[in-house]
């Protein structure tokens, strides 16, 4: 029996509304300033109970990279920003205790010598301490591979360099540094017998574990241990699997060492090896091999509060037979509890990152491809206990065609709703070139009882209306009335900072834009349906600024 066309159309419309209603807010991050290349999202982290920190490669101009550290509240309003511009700069940031952020910059000086700078930022992203990492006596640093914090904001760095010896020749050496929370040295140790300090960990007693992965000992790995005061302890030798080509380490909840990576099997397959190493003796508790396939790539590996391991692997088992495999592994013995396969031929998914929290759900994020060149940001939710699929969530795109759009990283808020950052770029299928990169942050309106929510964009609660008004107050701008019916007035604009104002819906589509040259702007929004919208103020000057606040349309 055929479904009547009117009923079918209503059914399809209901599905579309249900999907788009998942997105509660969309925060545009576009630092291109009409440049062909620009903003790419990298990482997002919890900051306080109601705020998060996101990191973006904001803009690239010739050899200069500008990075943006953004602080936003979990209702989508951006509160503060911190910018770094340097030659070929890369940036890594970590959230510390007491509302602090530590930013580690790797860049080059004007004469192209490597430069390493750490910034300590306060809750308003102002610099409270800063230092350049240098050694006396002409020690040359050519790599700092590890940057970590402990639970009281001591900073640890590990890497490699070379030290001039008594004859005037340079000898390779590795080092580890500990500073206090204000970036003042507590101690530093240099080891001239190794040149591969690749990772540093700090256990609950403040002991420092340094991973030594030196090519001359391949595939063997060493774990060097130091006391919290920098005194040398024992060194463990850990034999890794034959054919291994990578190594990554982390500490489990009992401070034992988990070591994993990729390896070749029989010359024609790949797999993940996994080892658990005793923190006391350095002996291998177990050694496992998982996910063997002609091509197997570990995209993410995380622990939850209960200590179980979750992995995200991409496998190719033959021509056009790719799948994403999400798995839960029992920490105690390394055995797989469950696998969840997502076949590319069925759903076109390419998932790259896991989002783990204390809830009974996990997320995997990435993209869903629509053809060879174009894709859309995408997330799935699974139950921790059995791996059952609990929801599929397409991200909104700011444009609809000839774009590649993906989710790069994510966290969850206090209600287990997914906050993700991602990027979009245009792709010209004629010239096969990508242009105009831009990024975004968004929150899906998902609750624990109904994975699709209940239409949060259209059905506003009193709490949501109050939140939208409070966000406007925190910006020192005034928008009124809010809720609004026909004309929205924006006052207290500083025309020296902002010269454009635009309105976006929660899917990121720009609905209106106008130029401003005064402290007040008025916009006719009578054509907009009821819902929550984003007002974005921007600058087109060299010093790019952006501020976004939410407002409510209700008629």
Protein backbone atom coordinates (compact mmCIF):
# COMPACT_ATOMS: atom_id res chain seq x y z
CA UNK A 1 0.00 0.00 0.00
CA UNK A 2 1.44 3.37 -0.99
CA UNK A 3 1.72 6.17 1.53
CA UNK A 4 -0.42 9.18 0.50
CA UNK A 5 1.82 11.99 -0.72
CA UNK A 6 0.58 14.66 1.76
CA UNK A 7 1.22 12.31 4.69
CA UNK A 8 4.63 11.38 3.32
CA UNK A 9 5.59 15.05 2.95
CA UNK A 10 4.45 15.80 6.49
CA UNK A 11 6.43 12.84 7.77
CA UNK A 12 9.59 13.99 5.98
CA UNK A 13 9.10 17.53 7.26
CA UNK A 14 8.67 16.24 10.82
CA UNK A 15 11.94 14.31 10.54
CA UNK A 16 13.76 17.39 9.24
CA UNK A 17 12.40 19.58 12.03
CA UNK A 18 13.34 16.97 14.61
CA UNK A 19 16.92 16.84 13.31
CA UNK A 20 17.46 20.58 13.02
CA UNK A 21 15.97 21.10 16.47
CA UNK A 22 18.93 19.23 17.92
CA UNK A 23 21.19 22.26 17.57
CA UNK A 24 20.64 24.71 20.41
CA UNK A 25 23.24 27.27 19.36
CA UNK A 26 25.84 27.81 16.67
CA UNK A 27 28.89 30.03 17.29
CA UNK A 28 30.64 31.23 14.15
CA UNK A 29 34.45 31.41 14.25
CA UNK A 30 35.71 33.03 11.07
CA UNK A 31 39.09 34.77 11.15
CA UNK A 32 39.74 34.74 7.43
CA UNK A 33 38.88 38.39 6.85
CA UNK A 34 38.20 37.41 3.23
CA UNK A 35 41.57 35.63 3.00
CA UNK A 36 41.62 32.37 1.01
CA UNK A 37 42.94 30.36 3.95
CA UNK A 38 42.22 30.71 7.62
CA UNK A 39 40.45 29.30 10.60
CA UNK A 40 40.73 25.63 11.56
CA UNK A 41 39.39 24.21 14.84
CA UNK A 42 41.81 22.11 16.90
CA UNK A 43 40.84 21.38 20.54
CA UNK A 44 38.16 22.16 23.12
CA UNK A 45 38.36 21.67 26.91
CA UNK A 46 36.23 22.25 29.98
CA UNK A 47 37.18 25.44 31.83
CA UNK A 48 34.66 25.92 34.65
CA UNK A 49 31.27 24.36 35.34
CA UNK A 50 29.65 26.63 32.75
CA UNK A 51 32.48 27.66 30.41
CA UNK A 52 34.86 26.04 27.95
CA UNK A 53 38.13 26.87 26.17
CA UNK A 54 38.53 26.28 22.43
CA UNK A 55 41.68 26.64 20.32
CA UNK A 56 41.66 27.70 16.66
CA UNK A 57 44.31 28.30 14.04
CA UNK A 58 42.71 31.65 13.35
CA UNK A 59 44.49 32.89 10.26
CA UNK A 60 47.53 32.24 8.06
CA UNK A 61 49.22 35.06 6.18
CA UNK A 62 52.45 34.14 4.41
CA UNK A 63 54.66 32.64 7.17
CA UNK A 64 52.69 34.11 10.06
CA UNK A 65 50.16 31.97 11.90
CA UNK A 66 47.65 33.60 14.22
CA UNK A 67 46.09 31.40 16.91
CA UNK A 68 43.00 32.18 18.95
CA UNK A 69 42.19 30.87 22.42
CA UNK A 70 38.47 31.42 22.98
CA UNK A 71 36.54 31.31 26.25
CA UNK A 72 32.79 30.79 25.92
CA UNK A 73 29.97 29.83 28.21
CA UNK A 74 28.06 26.63 27.59
CA UNK A 75 25.08 28.66 26.32
CA UNK A 76 27.11 29.72 23.29
CA UNK A 77 28.20 33.27 24.14
CA UNK A 78 31.89 33.98 23.55
CA UNK A 79 33.28 35.83 26.56
CA UNK A 80 37.02 36.40 26.03
CA UNK A 81 39.73 35.79 23.42
CA UNK A 82 43.53 35.60 23.44
CA UNK A 83 45.59 35.82 20.23
CA UNK A 84 49.13 34.71 19.38
CA UNK A 85 50.87 35.55 16.09
CA UNK A 86 54.30 34.14 15.21
CA UNK A 87 56.28 32.61 12.37
CA UNK A 88 55.02 29.10 11.54
CA UNK A 89 53.58 28.96 15.05
CA UNK A 90 51.80 25.97 16.54
CA UNK A 91 49.95 26.28 19.83
CA UNK A 92 48.92 23.83 22.53
CA UNK A 93 46.80 24.85 25.51
CA UNK A 94 45.88 23.14 28.78
CA UNK A 95 43.35 24.17 31.40
CA UNK A 96 44.84 24.37 34.88
CA UNK A 97 43.50 24.63 38.40
CA UNK A 98 41.83 27.80 39.72
CA UNK A 99 40.60 29.06 36.34
CA UNK A 100 43.94 29.28 34.60
CA UNK A 101 45.03 28.39 31.08
CA UNK A 102 48.58 27.51 30.06
CA UNK A 103 49.46 28.09 26.41
CA UNK A 104 52.59 26.60 24.83
CA UNK A 105 53.82 28.24 21.63
CA UNK A 106 56.28 26.59 19.24
CA UNK A 107 57.51 29.03 16.59
CA UNK A 108 60.62 30.51 14.96
CA UNK A 109 62.61 33.66 15.58
CA UNK A 110 63.41 36.08 12.70
CA UNK A 111 66.60 34.10 12.02
CA UNK A 112 64.52 30.86 11.97
CA UNK A 113 65.83 29.45 15.22
CA UNK A 114 63.15 27.45 17.08
CA UNK A 115 61.46 29.33 19.91
CA UNK A 116 59.37 27.96 22.77
CA UNK A 117 57.21 30.27 24.92
CA UNK A 118 54.74 29.45 27.72
CA UNK A 119 51.96 31.87 28.71
CA UNK A 120 49.94 31.59 31.89
CA UNK A 121 46.51 33.18 31.44
CA UNK A 122 44.01 34.12 34.13
CA UNK A 123 40.26 33.58 34.04
CA UNK A 124 39.87 36.57 31.68
CA UNK A 125 42.62 35.23 29.37
CA UNK A 126 45.02 37.98 30.40
CA UNK A 127 48.72 37.07 30.68
CA UNK A 128 49.73 36.64 34.32
CA UNK A 129 53.12 35.00 33.62
CA UNK A 130 55.26 34.35 30.56
CA UNK A 131 58.64 32.81 29.84
CA UNK A 132 60.80 31.64 26.96
CA UNK A 133 62.31 28.18 27.43
CA UNK A 134 66.09 28.44 27.11
CA UNK A 135 69.18 26.69 28.46
CA UNK A 136 72.52 28.23 29.47
CA UNK A 137 75.89 27.45 27.94
CA UNK A 138 74.71 27.32 24.33
CA UNK A 139 72.45 24.32 24.75
CA UNK A 140 70.39 24.18 21.57
CA UNK A 141 66.79 22.93 21.81
CA UNK A 142 65.57 21.42 18.58
CA UNK A 143 62.38 19.86 19.86
CA UNK A 144 60.05 20.00 22.87
CA UNK A 145 57.75 17.04 22.39
CA UNK A 146 55.77 16.97 25.63
CA UNK A 147 53.97 19.68 27.62
CA UNK A 148 52.01 18.66 30.73
CA UNK A 149 50.44 20.06 33.92
CA UNK A 150 49.93 18.37 37.27
CA UNK A 151 46.97 18.97 39.58
CA UNK A 152 48.57 22.03 41.25
CA UNK A 153 49.67 23.71 37.99
CA UNK A 154 53.31 22.72 37.97
CA UNK A 155 54.45 22.63 34.33
CA UNK A 156 56.56 19.83 32.81
CA UNK A 157 58.40 19.88 29.48
CA UNK A 158 60.42 17.15 27.82
CA UNK A 159 62.36 17.13 24.58
CA UNK A 160 65.69 16.92 22.83
CA UNK A 161 68.63 19.11 21.90
CA UNK A 162 72.38 19.21 21.80
CA UNK A 163 75.07 20.37 24.19
CA UNK A 164 78.56 21.56 23.20
CA UNK A 165 81.16 19.35 24.86
CA UNK A 166 84.68 20.24 26.02
CA UNK A 167 86.14 19.78 22.53
CA UNK A 168 83.72 22.25 20.98
CA UNK A 169 81.63 19.59 19.24
CA UNK A 170 77.93 19.20 19.95
CA UNK A 171 76.59 16.03 21.54
CA UNK A 172 72.90 15.01 21.47
CA UNK A 173 71.04 15.23 24.76
CA UNK A 174 67.50 14.96 26.10
CA UNK A 175 65.96 16.97 28.94
CA UNK A 176 63.01 17.27 31.29
CA UNK A 177 62.03 20.52 33.05
CA UNK A 178 59.69 21.19 35.95
CA UNK A 179 58.47 24.72 36.72
CA UNK A 180 56.09 25.96 39.39
CA UNK A 181 52.69 27.44 38.59
CA UNK A 182 54.27 30.82 37.83
CA UNK A 183 56.73 29.27 35.34
CA UNK A 184 59.79 29.55 37.60
CA UNK A 185 62.16 26.55 37.33
CA UNK A 186 61.90 23.96 40.10
CA UNK A 187 64.49 21.67 38.48
CA UNK A 188 65.78 20.44 35.13
CA UNK A 189 67.61 17.28 34.16
CA UNK A 190 69.70 16.63 31.04
CA UNK A 191 70.58 13.14 29.81
CA UNK A 192 73.36 13.02 27.23
CA UNK A 193 72.91 9.28 26.62
CA UNK A 194 69.48 9.53 25.02
CA UNK A 195 67.94 11.79 22.40
CA UNK A 196 64.28 10.85 22.45
CA UNK A 197 62.29 12.10 25.45
CA UNK A 198 58.93 11.76 23.73
CA UNK A 199 56.35 11.95 26.54
CA UNK A 200 56.12 12.90 30.22
CA UNK A 201 53.54 11.79 32.82
CA UNK A 202 52.99 12.79 36.46
CA UNK A 203 51.49 10.26 38.87
CA UNK A 204 49.43 10.96 41.98
CA UNK A 205 52.56 11.21 44.18
CA UNK A 206 54.15 13.79 41.92
CA UNK A 207 56.66 11.36 40.45
CA UNK A 208 57.66 12.09 36.88
CA UNK A 209 57.72 9.33 34.27
CA UNK A 210 59.52 10.06 31.01
CA UNK A 211 58.98 7.87 27.94
CA UNK A 212 62.20 7.27 26.00
CA UNK A 213 61.66 6.02 22.45
CA UNK A 214 65.13 6.04 20.90
CA UNK A 215 65.47 4.68 17.37
CA UNK A 216 68.71 2.82 18.21
CA UNK A 217 66.76 0.68 20.70
CA UNK A 218 63.75 0.14 18.44
CA UNK A 219 61.33 -1.46 19.12
CA UNK A 220 62.26 -1.29 22.84
CA UNK A 221 60.97 1.61 24.96
CA UNK A 222 62.35 2.91 28.27
CA UNK A 223 60.47 4.54 31.13
CA UNK A 224 62.70 6.82 33.25
CA UNK A 225 61.36 7.85 36.65
CA UNK A 226 62.15 10.89 38.79
CA UNK A 227 60.93 11.96 42.22
CA UNK A 228 58.88 15.14 42.56
CA UNK A 229 62.18 16.86 43.48
CA UNK A 230 63.93 15.64 40.36
CA UNK A 231 65.97 12.82 41.88
CA UNK A 232 66.54 9.91 39.50
CA UNK A 233 64.74 6.64 40.27
CA UNK A 234 64.70 3.34 38.41
CA UNK A 235 64.44 2.96 34.64
CA UNK A 236 62.13 0.35 33.10
CA UNK A 237 62.84 -1.37 29.82
CA UNK A 238 59.65 -2.32 27.98
CA UNK A 239 59.89 -4.63 24.95
CA UNK A 240 57.27 -3.68 22.38
CA UNK A 241 55.90 -5.82 19.57
CA UNK A 242 57.90 -6.63 16.47
CA UNK A 243 56.76 -4.49 13.57
CA UNK A 244 55.44 -1.69 15.72
CA UNK A 245 55.65 1.73 14.08
CA UNK A 246 54.22 4.04 16.76
CA UNK A 247 53.92 4.28 20.53
CA UNK A 248 51.59 6.28 22.76
CA UNK A 249 51.38 6.12 26.56
CA UNK A 250 49.06 7.25 29.33
CA UNK A 251 48.50 6.44 33.00
CA UNK A 252 45.45 4.50 34.13
CA UNK A 253 43.50 5.30 37.30
CA UNK A 254 46.03 3.35 39.40
CA UNK A 255 49.06 5.00 37.73
CA UNK A 256 50.03 1.88 35.83
CA UNK A 257 51.27 2.64 32.33
CA UNK A 258 49.16 1.86 29.27
CA UNK A 259 51.18 1.63 26.08
CA UNK A 260 49.58 1.23 22.66
CA UNK A 261 50.25 1.89 19.00
CA UNK A 262 50.16 0.46 15.51
CA UNK A 263 52.10 -2.52 14.23
CA UNK A 264 52.37 -4.62 11.10
CA UNK A 265 51.32 -8.26 11.27
CA UNK A 266 52.83 -10.76 8.85
CA UNK A 267 53.89 -8.05 6.46
CA UNK A 268 50.40 -7.63 4.98
CA UNK A 269 48.15 -6.53 7.85
CA UNK A 270 48.03 -3.88 10.55
CA UNK A 271 46.76 -3.98 14.12
CA UNK A 272 46.82 -2.20 17.48
CA UNK A 273 49.03 -3.54 20.25
CA UNK A 274 48.13 -2.81 23.88
CA UNK A 275 50.26 -3.31 26.99
CA UNK A 276 49.67 -2.62 30.66
CA UNK A 277 52.87 -2.04 32.64
CA UNK A 278 53.11 -2.22 36.42
CA UNK A 279 53.95 1.11 38.07
CA UNK A 280 55.82 -0.80 40.81
CA UNK A 281 58.02 -3.29 38.97
CA UNK A 282 57.88 -2.16 35.35
CA UNK A 283 56.82 -5.66 34.30
CA UNK A 284 54.24 -6.17 31.54
CA UNK A 285 50.91 -7.18 33.12
CA UNK A 286 49.42 -8.15 29.76
CA UNK A 287 50.09 -7.70 26.05
CA UNK A 288 47.25 -7.82 23.52
CA UNK A 289 46.77 -7.45 19.78
CA UNK A 290 43.43 -6.09 18.51
CA UNK A 291 41.77 -4.86 15.30
CA UNK A 292 43.85 -6.70 12.72
CA UNK A 293 42.97 -5.80 9.12
CA UNK A 294 44.74 -5.04 5.84
CA UNK A 295 44.68 -1.40 7.00
CA UNK A 296 43.97 -0.45 10.61
CA UNK A 297 44.36 3.04 12.13
CA UNK A 298 43.79 3.96 15.81
CA UNK A 299 42.11 7.39 15.79
CA UNK A 300 41.38 7.77 19.50
CA UNK A 301 42.00 5.93 22.79
CA UNK A 302 40.44 7.13 26.05
CA UNK A 303 39.74 6.02 29.63
CA UNK A 304 36.54 6.73 31.53
CA UNK A 305 36.18 7.32 35.28
CA UNK A 306 35.60 3.62 35.92
CA UNK A 307 38.87 2.78 34.21
CA UNK A 308 37.62 1.03 31.09
CA UNK A 309 39.22 1.78 27.74
CA UNK A 310 37.32 3.09 24.72
CA UNK A 311 38.89 3.04 21.27
CA UNK A 312 37.96 4.39 17.85
CA UNK A 313 39.60 2.62 14.92
CA UNK A 314 39.28 2.99 11.15
CA UNK A 315 39.73 -0.25 9.21
CA UNK A 316 39.91 -1.14 5.54
CA UNK A 317 39.27 -4.79 4.83
CA UNK A 318 39.21 -4.56 1.05
CA UNK A 319 38.41 -2.29 -1.89
CA UNK A 320 35.83 0.31 -0.80
CA UNK A 321 35.18 -1.66 2.39
CA UNK A 322 36.00 0.85 5.14
CA UNK A 323 34.45 0.87 8.58
CA UNK A 324 34.71 2.73 11.87
CA UNK A 325 34.98 0.42 14.86
CA UNK A 326 34.11 1.75 18.33
CA UNK A 327 35.10 -0.62 21.12
CA UNK A 328 35.17 -0.99 24.88
CA UNK A 329 38.13 -2.85 26.40
CA UNK A 330 38.35 -4.16 29.95
CA UNK A 331 41.30 -2.52 31.68
CA UNK A 332 41.98 -5.44 34.04
CA UNK A 333 42.86 -7.95 31.31
CA UNK A 334 42.84 -6.07 28.00
CA UNK A 335 39.99 -8.11 26.50
CA UNK A 336 37.32 -6.52 24.29
CA UNK A 337 33.91 -6.17 25.96
CA UNK A 338 32.03 -5.01 22.84
CA UNK A 339 32.57 -3.72 19.31
CA UNK A 340 30.28 -1.45 17.32
CA UNK A 341 30.95 -1.35 13.57
CA UNK A 342 29.79 1.44 11.26
CA UNK A 343 30.31 0.45 7.64
CA UNK A 344 31.18 3.25 5.27
CA UNK A 345 29.14 1.69 2.47
CA UNK A 346 26.04 1.94 4.68
CA UNK A 347 26.35 5.37 6.29
CA UNK A 348 29.40 7.17 4.72
CA UNK A 349 30.73 7.95 8.22
CA UNK A 350 34.34 8.80 8.96
CA UNK A 351 34.64 9.25 12.74
CA UNK A 352 37.88 10.46 14.29
CA UNK A 353 37.39 11.47 17.95
CA UNK A 354 35.73 10.09 21.08
CA UNK A 355 34.05 12.24 23.73
CA UNK A 356 34.01 10.44 27.10
CA UNK A 357 32.47 11.66 30.35
CA UNK A 358 31.08 10.30 33.63
CA UNK A 359 27.66 9.64 32.10
CA UNK A 360 26.52 6.28 30.76
CA UNK A 361 26.84 7.47 27.14
CA UNK A 362 29.79 8.22 24.87
CA UNK A 363 30.02 10.18 21.62
CA UNK A 364 32.06 9.65 18.47
CA UNK A 365 32.42 12.63 16.16
CA UNK A 366 33.72 13.29 12.67
CA UNK A 367 31.99 13.62 9.32
CA UNK A 368 29.54 11.96 6.98
CA UNK A 369 30.53 12.23 3.34
CA UNK A 370 27.93 13.05 0.69
CA UNK A 371 30.23 12.30 -2.27
CA UNK A 372 33.93 12.10 -3.07
CA UNK A 373 34.66 15.71 -2.11
CA UNK A 374 31.88 16.99 0.13
CA UNK A 375 30.94 16.08 3.69
CA UNK A 376 28.92 17.18 6.70
CA UNK A 377 29.81 17.20 10.39
CA UNK A 378 28.35 14.20 12.17
CA UNK A 379 28.19 12.60 15.63
CA UNK A 380 26.84 9.37 17.07
CA UNK A 381 26.00 8.47 20.65
CA UNK A 382 26.35 4.99 22.15
CA UNK A 383 25.56 3.37 25.47
CA UNK A 384 28.64 2.44 27.48
CA UNK A 385 27.29 -0.84 28.76
CA UNK A 386 26.51 -2.62 25.52
CA UNK A 387 27.55 -0.26 22.73
CA UNK A 388 24.00 0.14 21.43
CA UNK A 389 23.53 3.09 19.10
CA UNK A 390 21.67 5.84 20.94
CA UNK A 391 21.40 8.57 18.33
CA UNK A 392 22.84 10.04 15.10
CA UNK A 393 23.35 13.78 14.95
CA UNK A 394 24.17 15.68 11.74
CA UNK A 395 25.77 19.06 12.40
CA UNK A 396 24.37 22.14 10.67
CA UNK A 397 26.46 23.58 7.87
CA UNK A 398 26.71 27.30 7.24
CA UNK A 399 26.34 26.52 3.53
CA UNK A 400 24.70 23.71 1.64
CA UNK A 401 26.79 22.67 -1.35
CA UNK A 402 30.40 22.12 -2.38
CA UNK A 403 31.68 22.24 1.17
CA UNK A 404 33.58 19.87 3.40
CA UNK A 405 32.38 20.17 6.94
CA UNK A 406 33.56 18.13 9.96
CA UNK A 407 33.63 18.00 13.77
CA UNK A 408 37.14 18.08 15.20
CA UNK A 409 36.77 17.81 18.99
CA UNK A 410 34.10 17.86 21.67
CA UNK A 411 33.12 17.93 25.33
CA UNK A 412 29.81 17.51 27.15
CA UNK A 413 28.04 20.00 29.38
CA UNK A 414 26.48 19.30 32.77
CA UNK A 415 23.40 17.78 31.08
CA UNK A 416 25.45 15.44 28.85
CA UNK A 417 24.74 17.55 25.77
CA UNK A 418 27.52 17.52 23.20
CA UNK A 419 29.48 20.72 22.60
CA UNK A 420 31.66 20.33 19.52
CA UNK A 421 34.01 22.47 17.47
CA UNK A 422 34.67 21.93 13.81
CA UNK A 423 35.65 23.43 10.48
CA UNK A 424 34.26 24.05 7.03
CA UNK A 425 36.02 24.76 3.77
CA UNK A 426 34.93 25.37 0.21
CA UNK A 427 36.04 22.88 -2.41
CA UNK A 428 36.20 23.58 -6.12
CA UNK A 429 35.72 20.24 -7.89
CA UNK A 430 36.91 21.80 -11.18
CA UNK A 431 40.31 22.94 -9.93
CA UNK A 432 40.42 20.43 -7.05
CA UNK A 433 41.44 23.18 -4.65
CA UNK A 434 40.19 24.14 -1.18
CA UNK A 435 39.60 27.73 -0.19
CA UNK A 436 38.13 29.82 2.60
CA UNK A 437 38.49 27.81 5.77
CA UNK A 438 36.28 28.80 8.70
CA UNK A 439 35.30 27.20 12.00
CA UNK A 440 32.47 27.00 14.48
CA UNK A 441 31.31 25.71 17.85
CA UNK A 442 27.86 24.31 18.53
CA UNK A 443 25.78 22.48 21.10
CA UNK A 444 23.35 19.70 20.34
CA UNK A 445 20.07 19.76 22.26
CA UNK A 446 20.29 16.22 23.57
CA UNK A 447 19.09 15.03 26.95
CA UNK A 448 19.43 11.68 28.68
CA UNK A 449 15.86 10.54 28.09
CA UNK A 450 15.38 11.50 24.44
CA UNK A 451 18.35 11.61 22.13
CA UNK A 452 16.66 14.10 19.82
CA UNK A 453 15.47 16.52 22.48
CA UNK A 454 12.05 18.12 22.13
CA UNK A 455 12.52 20.98 19.70
CA UNK A 456 14.51 23.30 21.93
CA UNK A 457 14.87 25.99 19.26
CA UNK A 458 11.14 26.44 18.84
CA UNK A 459 9.90 25.70 22.38
CA UNK A 460 11.78 28.14 24.61
CA UNK A 461 11.83 27.57 28.34
CA UNK A 462 11.91 30.37 30.86
CA UNK A 463 15.48 29.37 31.73
CA UNK A 464 16.56 29.72 28.08
CA UNK A 465 15.03 33.18 27.77
CA UNK A 466 16.75 34.33 30.98
CA UNK A 467 20.03 32.85 29.74
CA UNK A 468 19.81 34.75 26.45
CA UNK A 469 19.22 38.01 28.32
CA UNK A 470 22.07 37.38 30.76
CA UNK A 471 24.49 36.68 27.91
CA UNK A 472 23.70 40.06 26.42
CA UNK A 473 24.48 41.74 29.74
CA UNK A 474 27.88 40.04 30.05
CA UNK A 475 28.97 41.59 26.74
CA UNK A 476 28.22 45.18 27.94
CA UNK A 477 26.11 45.54 24.83
CA UNK A 478 22.40 46.26 25.07
CA UNK A 479 19.94 44.54 22.75
CA UNK A 480 16.23 45.29 23.12
CA UNK A 481 13.55 44.26 23.23
CA UNK A 482 14.42 40.68 24.09
CA UNK A 483 12.28 38.73 23.23
CA UNK A 484 11.69 40.81 20.11
CA UNK A 485 8.89 40.89 17.53
CA UNK A 486 9.78 43.28 14.70
CA UNK A 487 12.75 45.60 15.24
CA UNK A 488 15.89 44.72 17.18
CA UNK A 489 18.02 47.57 18.54
CA UNK A 490 21.68 47.07 19.43
CA UNK A 491 23.31 49.84 21.46
CA UNK A 492 26.65 50.46 23.19
CA UNK A 493 28.55 49.37 20.06
CA UNK A 494 32.10 50.65 19.90
CA UNK A 495 32.46 51.61 16.19
CA UNK A 496 36.24 51.56 16.56
CA UNK A 497 36.04 47.84 17.33
CA UNK A 498 33.09 46.63 15.25
CA UNK A 499 31.84 47.75 11.85
CA UNK A 500 29.52 44.86 10.88
CA UNK A 501 26.55 43.24 12.57
CA UNK A 502 24.87 40.06 11.35
CA UNK A 503 22.10 37.69 12.39
CA UNK A 504 22.54 33.90 12.17
CA UNK A 505 20.15 31.09 12.88
CA UNK A 506 21.17 28.17 15.07
CA UNK A 507 22.23 26.21 12.00
CA UNK A 508 24.86 28.82 11.22
CA UNK A 509 23.15 30.34 8.17
CA UNK A 510 23.60 34.10 7.90
CA UNK A 511 20.18 35.72 7.54
CA UNK A 512 21.02 39.43 7.63
CA UNK A 513 24.07 41.68 7.70
CA UNK A 514 24.61 45.42 7.75
CA UNK A 515 27.49 47.86 8.20
CA UNK A 516 27.61 50.06 11.27
CA UNK A 517 29.48 53.29 11.95
CA UNK A 518 27.71 54.42 15.10
CA UNK A 519 27.05 53.18 18.61
CA UNK A 520 23.52 52.01 17.75
CA UNK A 521 22.19 49.72 15.02
CA UNK A 522 18.63 48.69 14.20
CA UNK A 523 17.62 45.55 12.33
CA UNK A 524 14.21 44.57 10.94
CA UNK A 525 13.64 40.96 11.98
CA UNK A 526 9.89 40.86 11.31
CA UNK A 527 10.36 38.10 8.73
CA UNK A 528 12.09 35.73 11.20
CA UNK A 529 10.04 32.94 12.78
CA UNK A 530 9.99 32.34 16.52
CA UNK A 531 13.20 30.88 17.93
CA UNK A 532 16.69 31.65 19.23
CA UNK A 533 19.12 33.53 16.99
CA UNK A 534 22.69 34.71 17.18
CA UNK A 535 23.70 38.35 16.79
CA UNK A 536 27.35 38.62 15.69
CA UNK A 537 29.42 41.81 15.73
CA UNK A 538 32.61 41.79 13.67
CA UNK A 539 35.53 43.94 12.67
CA UNK A 540 37.01 44.03 9.18
CA UNK A 541 40.15 45.76 10.40
CA UNK A 542 43.55 44.09 10.67
CA UNK A 543 42.87 43.44 14.36
CA UNK A 544 40.02 40.98 13.95
CA UNK A 545 37.39 41.03 16.68
CA UNK A 546 34.13 39.19 17.05
CA UNK A 547 31.40 39.08 19.66
CA UNK A 548 28.23 37.01 19.59
CA UNK A 549 25.12 37.10 21.76
CA UNK A 550 21.80 35.31 21.59
CA UNK A 551 18.36 36.86 21.30
CA UNK A 552 14.84 35.48 21.19
CA UNK A 553 12.17 36.11 18.56
CA UNK A 554 8.65 35.60 19.88
CA UNK A 555 5.52 36.98 18.22
